[in-house]
Amino acid sequence: MIPALDAVDDVFLEHHARGSAPSLAWGTFDRTGLIRFRSAGMGPGGAAPGAHTAYRIASCTKSFTAAAVLALRDAGVLSLDDPVTRFIPGFLSVLLPGPDAPVPTVRMLLTMSGGLPTDDPWADRQEALTESQFDAFVARGVTFESMPGTRFAYSNLGFALLGRVITVASGRGYRDFVTEQLLKPLGLTGTGFDSSVPATGGVATGTRWLDRGWHDLPFSAPGAFSPIGGLFSTVTDLSSWATWLASAFDGATQDTEAISPLSRSSRREMAQQYRHVPSVSEYPTGYGFGLFVEQYAHSGPVVSHSGGYPGFSAHMRWSALGGHGIVAFGNATHSHLAVATTRAFDRLDAAAPRVPPAVLASVRSAQVALTGLIYAWDDDTARDLFAENIPLDDSFERRRAALAVAVLRIGGLLPEQPATAAAAPEHSSSPAHLVWYLNGQAGRLRVETRLTPEYPPRVQTFTVTADLVHSR
């Protein structure tokens, strides 16, 4: 794993050397937490940025906002299908885009499908609006670009509205709720909503490149648009946050914390693809609740979010199944940090151990039984193992004959291989499905099975074909 960590560092060092930002700070983590921290450039006070130096994380904040909404949902205070007018009466005066248009719901706003247009970079300059100014803004009306609930469009305003939902539903200010319900219980002591955040490594100053030099930018004050991107955090803290979100997929049955701010099931909800995102990514991409999700062909779901604010850039990215990931910060506007982080993550992911397909225990049992049947066919065993469709789709006699031909084509099977040893190159499209291989003298057999939905499940698909391309 050390070469992969070095490769990650090389990507960011090269990115910094190209003049992307005065300073970069990044960390690589796995299911145990932060495993390596590195930085480049100068941070607060002329020292190198540390793992506890705070940067603005901008839109990575949206994952905290989404988690806060789900915490209130879990407490029974709101429903994701509530219209926003339940919490924001001023929205009643908003002219909807058609007579049959629904009022945007909490769920629509969480999934960027509220019908509102993309609003970068305008929204970045609205953070300090007071609640009364925000109310007046909403009362004047908003522009829709599509029917609510019909398509994805990245909307900061939608998450600002969710901040007001949190305030009204909880009876506390949005920032207070996130601090008390998420930051404190998770020990994120270097994370907060303004530049006074008590990060022991200081707070980086945001900059932009202008007239051939870096110019410092002032911090915006927290306000009604803080839910879209107002948090400051450190590599240590954001790695902990990402590790905690990713832990919902680690196979455990319950949280290790005595009291978790949000259940494992709700954290898994956050990382699902609810709305397709037209993307330049080579992988299918969707938006969950405050998180993007890409379906990597070789390693499964990859969860991420970028952040861009005047003076700052951020990105967090991790494998849902593997738990490995990267967080990265830069103190410059438009530093293309997401591109560098994705490139670094792909190097890390390529070196990570492949996670075996998450198949049912009954599939593994069927795999062992089917492997034995291939080596020594027995009709009684087959009748016990197969669902009724198997002999109806093709008789046992024809299946035995086809199996004999396939074995002959690969020059005969090698001495009997335990399913666990034979399964090294395997893949699965669902927990009830598996493809694996058995080695022969001149090729291998490709074996595929799928189980029925009954209990106990039985084998409804059993295909065996000769694979001559992959010879030993």
Protein backbone atom coordinates (compact mmCIF):
# COMPACT_ATOMS: atom_id res chain seq x y z
CA MET A 1 0.00 0.00 0.00
CA ILE A 2 2.97 2.35 0.55
CA PRO A 3 3.60 2.78 -3.22
CA ALA A 4 -0.06 3.73 -3.68
CA LEU A 5 0.17 6.34 -0.91
CA ASP A 6 3.31 7.71 -2.53
CA ALA A 7 1.46 7.87 -5.86
CA VAL A 8 -1.31 9.90 -4.20
CA ASP A 9 1.26 12.34 -2.83
CA ASP A 10 2.90 12.66 -6.24
CA VAL A 11 -0.39 13.76 -7.82
CA PHE A 12 -0.92 16.57 -5.31
CA LEU A 13 2.71 17.67 -5.29
CA GLU A 14 2.57 17.96 -9.07
CA HIS A 15 -0.73 19.84 -8.83
CA HIS A 16 0.80 22.31 -6.38
CA ALA A 17 3.94 22.70 -8.49
CA ARG A 18 1.75 23.83 -11.40
CA GLY A 19 0.61 26.79 -9.29
CA SER A 20 -2.87 25.58 -8.38
CA ALA A 21 -2.92 27.27 -4.94
CA PRO A 22 -0.55 28.80 -2.38
CA SER A 23 -1.09 25.71 -0.24
CA LEU A 24 -2.62 22.26 -0.48
CA ALA A 25 -3.37 19.80 2.30
CA TRP A 26 -4.55 16.25 1.77
CA GLY A 27 -5.07 13.03 3.65
CA THR A 28 -5.58 9.40 2.74
CA PHE A 29 -7.84 7.30 4.95
CA ASP A 30 -9.25 3.81 5.29
CA ARG A 31 -11.82 2.24 7.61
CA THR A 32 -9.52 2.88 10.59
CA GLY A 33 -9.31 6.62 9.85
CA LEU A 34 -6.55 8.91 8.55
CA ILE A 35 -3.49 6.89 7.58
CA ARG A 36 -1.34 9.55 5.88
CA PHE A 37 -1.28 13.35 5.82
CA ARG A 38 0.76 15.55 3.52
CA SER A 39 0.80 19.21 2.51
CA ALA A 40 2.56 21.60 0.17
CA GLY A 41 3.12 25.33 0.33
CA MET A 42 2.79 27.72 3.22
CA GLY A 43 -0.09 27.87 5.65
CA PRO A 44 -1.03 30.13 8.58
CA GLY A 45 1.91 32.05 10.03
CA GLY A 46 4.25 30.93 7.27
CA ALA A 47 4.33 27.33 8.48
CA ALA A 48 3.43 24.29 6.43
CA PRO A 49 -0.28 23.38 6.73
CA GLY A 50 -0.89 20.60 9.22
CA ALA A 51 -3.50 17.91 9.64
CA HIS A 52 -5.31 20.24 12.05
CA THR A 53 -5.18 23.36 9.85
CA ALA A 54 -8.70 24.47 8.89
CA TYR A 55 -9.81 25.34 5.36
CA ARG A 56 -13.26 26.18 4.11
CA ILE A 57 -14.78 22.96 2.81
CA ALA A 58 -17.49 24.80 0.85
CA SER A 59 -20.09 22.45 -0.67
CA CYS A 60 -18.78 19.41 1.21
CA THR A 61 -20.97 21.09 3.88
CA LYS A 62 -24.01 19.78 2.03
CA SER A 63 -23.37 16.28 3.38
CA PHE A 64 -23.70 17.68 6.92
CA THR A 65 -26.92 19.48 5.98
CA ALA A 66 -28.35 16.28 4.51
CA ALA A 67 -27.37 14.29 7.60
CA ALA A 68 -29.11 16.86 9.79
CA VAL A 69 -32.31 16.53 7.76
CA LEU A 70 -32.22 12.74 8.07
CA ALA A 71 -31.64 12.99 11.82
CA LEU A 72 -34.84 15.03 12.10
CA ARG A 73 -36.65 12.55 9.84
CA ASP A 74 -35.49 9.67 12.05
CA ALA A 75 -36.74 11.54 15.11
CA GLY A 76 -40.20 11.78 13.52
CA VAL A 77 -40.09 15.56 13.28
CA LEU A 78 -40.45 15.71 9.51
CA SER A 79 -41.06 13.57 6.45
CA LEU A 80 -38.89 13.71 3.36
CA ASP A 81 -42.09 14.08 1.34
CA ASP A 82 -43.24 17.16 3.23
CA PRO A 83 -43.65 20.21 0.98
CA VAL A 84 -41.32 23.04 1.91
CA THR A 85 -44.36 25.23 2.56
CA ARG A 86 -44.86 23.29 5.81
CA PHE A 87 -41.68 24.90 7.14
CA ILE A 88 -41.35 28.03 4.99
CA PRO A 89 -44.77 29.71 4.77
CA GLY A 90 -43.30 32.43 2.57
CA PHE A 91 -42.95 29.81 -0.17
CA LEU A 92 -46.75 29.81 -0.47
CA SER A 93 -46.43 33.01 -2.47
CA VAL A 94 -43.94 31.48 -4.91
CA LEU A 95 -45.35 31.11 -8.42
CA LEU A 96 -44.85 27.48 -9.48
CA PRO A 97 -43.88 26.66 -13.09
CA GLY A 98 -47.30 25.33 -14.04
CA PRO A 99 -50.84 24.77 -12.74
CA ASP A 100 -50.11 21.09 -12.09
CA ALA A 101 -46.62 21.63 -10.65
CA PRO A 102 -46.02 20.18 -7.19
CA VAL A 103 -44.55 22.24 -4.41
CA PRO A 104 -40.91 21.13 -3.99
CA THR A 105 -40.54 18.63 -1.19
CA VAL A 106 -37.71 18.06 1.25
CA ARG A 107 -36.71 14.98 -0.76
CA MET A 108 -36.60 16.95 -4.01
CA LEU A 109 -34.31 19.55 -2.48
CA LEU A 110 -32.04 16.87 -1.00
CA THR A 111 -31.64 15.25 -4.42
CA MET A 112 -31.18 18.49 -6.39
CA SER A 113 -34.46 17.97 -8.22
CA GLY A 114 -36.55 20.85 -6.87
CA GLY A 115 -36.85 22.45 -10.31
CA LEU A 116 -34.48 25.29 -9.41
CA PRO A 117 -31.68 26.30 -11.77
CA THR A 118 -27.98 25.78 -11.12
CA ASP A 119 -26.75 28.83 -9.22
CA ASP A 120 -22.96 28.75 -9.03
CA PRO A 121 -21.28 31.21 -8.49
CA TRP A 122 -24.12 33.53 -7.43
CA ALA A 123 -24.98 31.54 -4.31
CA ASP A 124 -21.42 31.67 -2.95
CA ARG A 125 -21.91 35.40 -2.37
CA GLN A 126 -25.17 35.03 -0.45
CA GLU A 127 -23.90 33.26 2.67
CA ALA A 128 -24.22 36.21 5.07
CA LEU A 129 -27.90 36.90 4.34
CA THR A 130 -29.87 37.15 7.58
CA GLU A 131 -32.96 35.06 8.12
CA SER A 132 -35.21 38.08 7.59
CA GLN A 133 -33.40 38.92 4.35
CA PHE A 134 -33.75 35.32 3.23
CA ASP A 135 -37.48 35.36 4.04
CA ALA A 136 -37.90 38.52 1.98
CA PHE A 137 -35.95 36.94 -0.86
CA VAL A 138 -38.23 33.87 -0.89
CA ALA A 139 -41.38 35.99 -0.67
CA ARG A 140 -40.35 37.84 -3.84
CA GLY A 141 -40.43 34.51 -5.66
CA VAL A 142 -37.90 32.17 -7.24
CA THR A 143 -37.19 31.09 -10.80
CA PHE A 144 -37.88 27.50 -11.87
CA GLU A 145 -36.25 25.89 -14.87
CA SER A 146 -38.16 22.60 -14.77
CA MET A 147 -41.07 20.89 -13.09
CA PRO A 148 -40.10 20.03 -9.49
CA GLY A 149 -39.18 16.37 -9.14
CA THR A 150 -38.35 15.73 -12.80
CA ARG A 151 -34.62 16.36 -13.33
CA PHE A 152 -31.27 17.08 -11.68
CA ALA A 153 -29.90 20.62 -11.46
CA TYR A 154 -27.29 21.52 -8.84
CA SER A 155 -29.06 24.02 -6.60
CA ASN A 156 -27.42 25.83 -3.70
CA LEU A 157 -30.68 27.66 -3.06
CA GLY A 158 -32.32 24.27 -2.51
CA PHE A 159 -29.89 23.53 0.34
CA ALA A 160 -30.36 27.02 1.77
CA LEU A 161 -34.08 26.20 1.92
CA LEU A 162 -33.19 22.93 3.68
CA GLY A 163 -31.28 24.97 6.26
CA ARG A 164 -34.47 26.85 7.03
CA VAL A 165 -36.37 23.52 7.19
CA ILE A 166 -33.86 22.33 9.82
CA THR A 167 -34.22 25.55 11.81
CA VAL A 168 -38.02 25.44 11.88
CA ALA A 169 -38.33 21.69 12.43
CA SER A 170 -35.75 21.56 15.23
CA GLY A 171 -36.61 24.84 16.92
CA ARG A 172 -32.92 25.74 16.84
CA GLY A 173 -30.72 27.62 14.44
CA TYR A 174 -29.27 25.54 11.63
CA ARG A 175 -25.67 26.08 12.74
CA ASP A 176 -26.47 25.26 16.36
CA PHE A 177 -28.28 22.07 15.36
CA VAL A 178 -25.42 20.80 13.18
CA THR A 179 -22.88 21.64 15.87
CA GLU A 180 -24.77 19.96 18.71
CA GLN A 181 -26.15 16.97 16.81
CA LEU A 182 -23.23 16.11 14.52
CA LEU A 183 -19.95 17.93 15.18
CA LYS A 184 -19.76 17.49 18.95
CA PRO A 185 -20.91 13.84 19.15
CA LEU A 186 -18.39 12.88 16.46
CA GLY A 187 -15.55 14.79 18.09
CA LEU A 188 -15.02 17.11 15.12
CA THR A 189 -13.43 19.79 17.28
CA GLY A 190 -11.65 21.56 14.42
CA THR A 191 -14.84 22.05 12.41
CA GLY A 192 -17.15 25.06 12.61
CA PHE A 193 -19.00 27.79 10.77
CA ASP A 194 -16.64 30.75 10.96
CA SER A 195 -12.95 31.61 11.01
CA SER A 196 -12.85 31.47 14.82
CA VAL A 197 -13.11 27.66 14.61
CA PRO A 198 -10.68 26.28 17.25
CA ALA A 199 -8.44 24.37 14.82
CA THR A 200 -5.10 23.83 16.55
CA GLY A 201 -3.25 24.26 13.25
CA GLY A 202 -4.77 27.66 12.53
CA VAL A 203 -7.03 28.71 9.68
CA ALA A 204 -5.83 29.06 6.09
CA THR A 205 -6.48 32.33 4.30
CA GLY A 206 -8.36 32.14 1.02
CA THR A 207 -6.81 33.62 -2.10
CA ARG A 208 -7.35 34.20 -5.80
CA TRP A 209 -4.88 34.72 -8.62
CA LEU A 210 -5.07 38.28 -9.95
CA ASP A 211 -2.58 40.45 -11.82
CA ARG A 212 0.14 37.80 -11.65
CA GLY A 213 -0.07 37.27 -7.92
CA TRP A 214 -2.06 35.68 -5.09
CA HIS A 215 -4.40 38.08 -3.33
CA ASP A 216 -6.01 37.38 0.05
CA LEU A 217 -9.80 37.31 0.19
CA PRO A 218 -11.94 38.20 3.22
CA PHE A 219 -14.07 35.52 4.87
CA SER A 220 -17.81 35.80 4.43
CA ALA A 221 -19.84 35.72 7.62
CA PRO A 222 -22.20 32.85 8.44
CA GLY A 223 -25.85 33.34 7.62
CA ALA A 224 -28.88 31.89 5.86
CA PHE A 225 -26.77 30.34 3.09
CA SER A 226 -24.33 28.56 5.42
CA PRO A 227 -26.07 25.20 4.74
CA ILE A 228 -24.71 25.28 1.18
CA GLY A 229 -21.02 25.55 2.08
CA GLY A 230 -20.28 27.44 5.27
CA LEU A 231 -18.17 24.93 7.20
CA PHE A 232 -14.45 25.16 7.95
CA SER A 233 -12.74 21.85 8.68
CA THR A 234 -9.39 20.09 8.86
CA VAL A 235 -7.99 17.08 7.03
CA THR A 236 -8.23 15.16 10.31
CA ASP A 237 -11.88 16.04 10.90
CA LEU A 238 -13.16 15.65 7.35
CA SER A 239 -11.39 12.28 7.09
CA SER A 240 -13.18 11.25 10.29
CA TRP A 241 -16.49 12.43 8.84
CA ALA A 242 -15.96 10.50 5.60
CA THR A 243 -14.80 7.41 7.51
CA TRP A 244 -17.95 7.55 9.63
CA LEU A 245 -20.20 7.88 6.58
CA ALA A 246 -18.36 5.03 4.85
CA SER A 247 -18.59 2.79 7.92
CA ALA A 248 -22.27 2.24 7.15
CA PHE A 249 -21.11 -0.14 4.39
CA ASP A 250 -18.46 -2.08 6.35
CA GLY A 251 -20.62 -5.15 6.94
CA ALA A 252 -21.14 -4.62 10.67
CA THR A 253 -24.66 -4.89 12.01
CA GLN A 254 -24.58 -1.89 14.33
CA ASP A 255 -22.61 1.25 15.16
CA THR A 256 -19.58 0.98 17.38
CA GLU A 257 -20.43 4.33 18.98
CA ALA A 258 -22.55 4.11 22.11
CA ILE A 259 -24.86 6.76 20.64
CA SER A 260 -24.59 7.51 16.92
CA PRO A 261 -25.78 10.86 15.56
CA LEU A 262 -27.28 9.08 12.56
CA SER A 263 -28.08 5.41 12.01
CA ARG A 264 -26.16 3.21 9.62
CA SER A 265 -29.26 2.77 7.48
CA SER A 266 -29.72 6.53 7.14
CA ARG A 267 -26.05 6.97 6.22
CA ARG A 268 -26.49 4.33 3.54
CA GLU A 269 -29.48 6.30 2.24
CA MET A 270 -27.25 9.31 1.75
CA ALA A 271 -24.97 7.37 -0.61
CA GLN A 272 -27.58 6.06 -3.07
CA GLN A 273 -28.17 7.32 -6.61
CA TYR A 274 -31.60 8.94 -6.51
CA ARG A 275 -31.23 11.33 -9.44
CA HIS A 276 -29.14 10.78 -12.57
CA VAL A 277 -26.41 13.37 -13.07
CA PRO A 278 -25.33 14.15 -16.63
CA SER A 279 -21.60 13.94 -16.09
CA VAL A 280 -18.23 14.01 -17.80
CA SER A 281 -17.29 11.01 -15.64
CA GLU A 282 -16.80 7.75 -17.50
CA TYR A 283 -18.92 6.05 -14.84
CA PRO A 284 -22.70 6.33 -14.27
CA THR A 285 -23.19 9.15 -11.77
CA GLY A 286 -26.10 10.10 -9.54
CA TYR A 287 -26.90 12.39 -6.64
CA GLY A 288 -27.96 10.99 -3.30
CA PHE A 289 -28.62 13.11 -0.24
CA GLY A 290 -25.82 15.69 -0.16
CA LEU A 291 -23.41 13.32 -1.93
CA PHE A 292 -22.51 12.30 -5.48
CA VAL A 293 -22.21 8.59 -6.25
CA GLU A 294 -20.33 7.08 -9.22
CA GLN A 295 -20.54 3.40 -10.09
CA TYR A 296 -16.95 2.36 -10.80
CA ALA A 297 -16.90 -0.67 -13.08
CA HIS A 298 -14.25 -2.54 -11.10
CA SER A 299 -14.79 -1.48 -7.49
CA GLY A 300 -18.41 -0.46 -7.04
CA PRO A 301 -19.88 2.78 -5.66
CA VAL A 302 -17.53 5.72 -5.13
CA VAL A 303 -18.95 8.55 -3.01
CA SER A 304 -17.77 12.13 -3.31
CA HIS A 305 -18.45 15.84 -3.11
CA SER A 306 -16.51 18.87 -4.24
CA GLY A 307 -16.40 22.29 -2.67
CA GLY A 308 -15.64 25.64 -4.24
CA TYR A 309 -15.93 28.99 -2.46
CA PRO A 310 -14.24 32.35 -3.02
CA GLY A 311 -10.65 31.61 -1.98
CA PHE A 312 -11.01 27.87 -1.36
CA SER A 313 -11.40 24.47 -3.00
CA ALA A 314 -12.09 21.08 -1.42
CA HIS A 315 -12.88 17.54 -2.42
CA MET A 316 -13.68 14.30 -0.56
CA ARG A 317 -13.92 10.91 -2.25
CA TRP A 318 -14.10 7.32 -0.99
CA SER A 319 -15.02 3.77 -1.92
CA ALA A 320 -18.25 2.65 -0.27
CA LEU A 321 -17.21 -1.01 -0.32
CA GLY A 322 -13.48 -0.63 0.34
CA GLY A 323 -13.61 2.29 2.78
CA HIS A 324 -10.43 3.87 1.36
CA GLY A 325 -10.51 7.50 0.30
CA ILE A 326 -8.97 10.95 0.13
CA VAL A 327 -9.84 14.44 1.35
CA ALA A 328 -8.03 17.46 -0.05
CA PHE A 329 -8.06 21.23 0.49
CA GLY A 330 -6.57 24.21 -1.32
CA ASN A 331 -6.70 27.91 -0.46
CA ALA A 332 -7.43 29.26 -3.93
CA THR A 333 -10.49 29.85 -6.06
CA HIS A 334 -10.87 27.52 -9.06
CA SER A 335 -7.86 25.35 -8.27
CA HIS A 336 -9.27 22.28 -10.10
CA LEU A 337 -8.73 20.27 -6.93
CA ALA A 338 -11.51 17.81 -7.79
CA VAL A 339 -9.60 16.74 -10.90
CA ALA A 340 -6.39 16.14 -8.93
CA THR A 341 -8.20 14.32 -6.12
CA THR A 342 -10.03 12.04 -8.54
CA ARG A 343 -6.77 11.20 -10.29
CA ALA A 344 -5.11 10.48 -6.93
CA PHE A 345 -8.06 8.39 -5.75
CA ASP A 346 -8.00 6.30 -8.93
CA ARG A 347 -4.36 5.43 -8.25
CA LEU A 348 -5.23 4.51 -4.68
CA ASP A 349 -8.26 2.51 -5.74
CA ALA A 350 -6.31 0.56 -8.36
CA ALA A 351 -3.92 -0.65 -5.66
CA ALA A 352 -6.58 -1.41 -3.05
CA PRO A 353 -7.51 -5.05 -2.41
CA ARG A 354 -10.54 -5.96 -4.45
CA VAL A 355 -13.59 -6.46 -2.27
CA PRO A 356 -15.22 -9.86 -2.97
CA PRO A 357 -18.74 -9.62 -4.37
CA ALA A 358 -21.23 -9.20 -1.56
CA VAL A 359 -23.19 -12.35 -2.30
CA LEU A 360 -25.57 -14.21 -0.01
CA ALA A 361 -24.30 -17.06 2.13
CA SER A 362 -26.76 -19.31 0.31
CA VAL A 363 -25.04 -18.39 -2.98
CA ARG A 364 -21.71 -19.54 -1.54
CA SER A 365 -23.33 -22.80 -0.47
CA ALA A 366 -24.78 -23.25 -3.95
CA GLN A 367 -21.37 -22.49 -5.45
CA VAL A 368 -19.80 -25.34 -3.50
CA ALA A 369 -22.62 -27.73 -4.39
CA LEU A 370 -22.59 -26.81 -8.09
CA THR A 371 -18.82 -27.19 -8.29
CA GLY A 372 -19.17 -30.70 -6.87
CA LEU A 373 -21.95 -31.44 -9.35
CA ILE A 374 -19.73 -30.39 -12.27
CA TYR A 375 -17.04 -32.85 -11.18
CA ALA A 376 -19.47 -35.66 -10.44
CA TRP A 377 -23.02 -35.26 -11.70
CA ASP A 378 -25.75 -36.91 -9.65
CA ASP A 379 -29.44 -36.59 -10.56
CA ASP A 380 -30.66 -36.84 -6.96
CA THR A 381 -28.30 -34.04 -5.88
CA ALA A 382 -29.40 -31.97 -8.87
CA ARG A 383 -33.09 -32.42 -8.00
CA ASP A 384 -32.47 -31.23 -4.45
CA LEU A 385 -30.43 -28.23 -5.61
CA PHE A 386 -32.38 -26.95 -8.63
CA ALA A 387 -35.67 -25.08 -8.79
CA GLU A 388 -38.42 -26.65 -10.91
CA ASN A 389 -37.66 -24.43 -13.91
CA ILE A 390 -34.20 -26.00 -14.45
CA PRO A 391 -35.34 -29.41 -15.81
CA LEU A 392 -38.25 -27.73 -17.65
CA ASP A 393 -35.89 -25.29 -19.38
CA ASP A 394 -33.48 -28.09 -20.36
CA SER A 395 -33.44 -31.74 -19.33
CA PHE A 396 -30.80 -33.22 -17.04
CA GLU A 397 -29.73 -35.48 -19.91
CA ARG A 398 -29.06 -32.54 -22.23
CA ARG A 399 -27.33 -30.62 -19.43
CA ARG A 400 -25.00 -33.55 -18.69
CA ALA A 401 -24.14 -33.83 -22.39
CA ALA A 402 -23.44 -30.10 -22.75
CA LEU A 403 -21.28 -30.18 -19.60
CA ALA A 404 -19.25 -33.09 -20.99
CA VAL A 405 -18.63 -31.16 -24.23
CA ALA A 406 -17.52 -28.05 -22.34
CA VAL A 407 -15.10 -30.06 -20.20
CA LEU A 408 -13.70 -31.76 -23.32
CA ARG A 409 -13.13 -28.39 -24.99
CA ILE A 410 -10.88 -27.21 -22.13
CA GLY A 411 -8.85 -30.42 -22.22
CA GLY A 412 -10.40 -31.79 -19.04
CA LEU A 413 -10.67 -30.27 -15.59
CA LEU A 414 -7.73 -30.05 -13.28
CA PRO A 415 -8.01 -32.09 -10.05
CA GLU A 416 -11.05 -31.04 -8.08
CA GLN A 417 -10.78 -27.43 -6.92
CA PRO A 418 -12.52 -26.17 -3.79
CA ALA A 419 -14.96 -23.40 -4.68
CA THR A 420 -13.04 -20.92 -2.54
CA ALA A 421 -9.81 -21.56 -4.45
CA ALA A 422 -11.47 -21.60 -7.86
CA ALA A 423 -13.37 -18.38 -7.27
CA ALA A 424 -10.51 -15.89 -7.44
CA PRO A 425 -11.70 -14.35 -10.76
CA GLU A 426 -15.40 -13.93 -9.98
CA HIS A 427 -18.06 -11.27 -10.31
CA SER A 428 -21.64 -10.68 -9.35
CA SER A 429 -24.44 -8.42 -10.57
CA SER A 430 -26.47 -8.86 -7.37
CA PRO A 431 -26.19 -10.65 -4.01
CA ALA A 432 -28.23 -13.57 -5.39
CA HIS A 433 -25.99 -14.01 -8.46
CA LEU A 434 -22.44 -15.24 -9.05
CA VAL A 435 -20.08 -16.06 -11.90
CA TRP A 436 -16.90 -18.03 -11.19
CA TYR A 437 -14.37 -20.18 -13.05
CA LEU A 438 -12.92 -23.68 -12.86
CA ASN A 439 -9.51 -24.31 -14.39
CA GLY A 440 -8.84 -26.95 -17.05
CA GLN A 441 -5.84 -28.18 -19.01
CA ALA A 442 -6.43 -25.85 -21.97
CA GLY A 443 -8.78 -23.20 -20.66
CA ARG A 444 -11.41 -22.83 -17.98
CA LEU A 445 -15.12 -23.26 -17.37
CA ARG A 446 -17.28 -20.23 -16.77
CA VAL A 447 -20.01 -21.11 -14.26
CA GLU A 448 -22.99 -18.86 -13.55
CA THR A 449 -25.82 -19.24 -11.06
CA ARG A 450 -28.71 -17.21 -9.74
CA LEU A 451 -30.98 -18.15 -6.84
CA THR A 452 -34.75 -17.94 -6.53
CA PRO A 453 -36.52 -15.48 -4.19
CA GLU A 454 -38.21 -18.29 -2.21
CA TYR A 455 -37.02 -19.46 1.21
CA PRO A 456 -34.88 -21.42 1.35
CA PRO A 457 -33.63 -20.30 -2.07
CA ARG A 458 -32.86 -22.77 -4.85
CA VAL A 459 -30.84 -22.56 -8.06
CA GLN A 460 -32.86 -21.08 -10.93
CA THR A 461 -29.93 -20.42 -13.31
CA PHE A 462 -27.06 -22.83 -13.99
CA THR A 463 -24.93 -22.29 -17.09
CA VAL A 464 -21.51 -23.76 -17.82
CA THR A 465 -19.50 -22.69 -20.87
CA ALA A 466 -15.94 -23.27 -22.06
CA ASP A 467 -13.68 -20.23 -21.88
CA LEU A 468 -10.69 -20.92 -24.15
CA VAL A 469 -9.33 -17.36 -24.24
CA HIS A 470 -8.01 -17.61 -20.68
CA SER A 471 -5.69 -20.59 -20.82
CA ARG A 472 -3.47 -21.52 -17.92
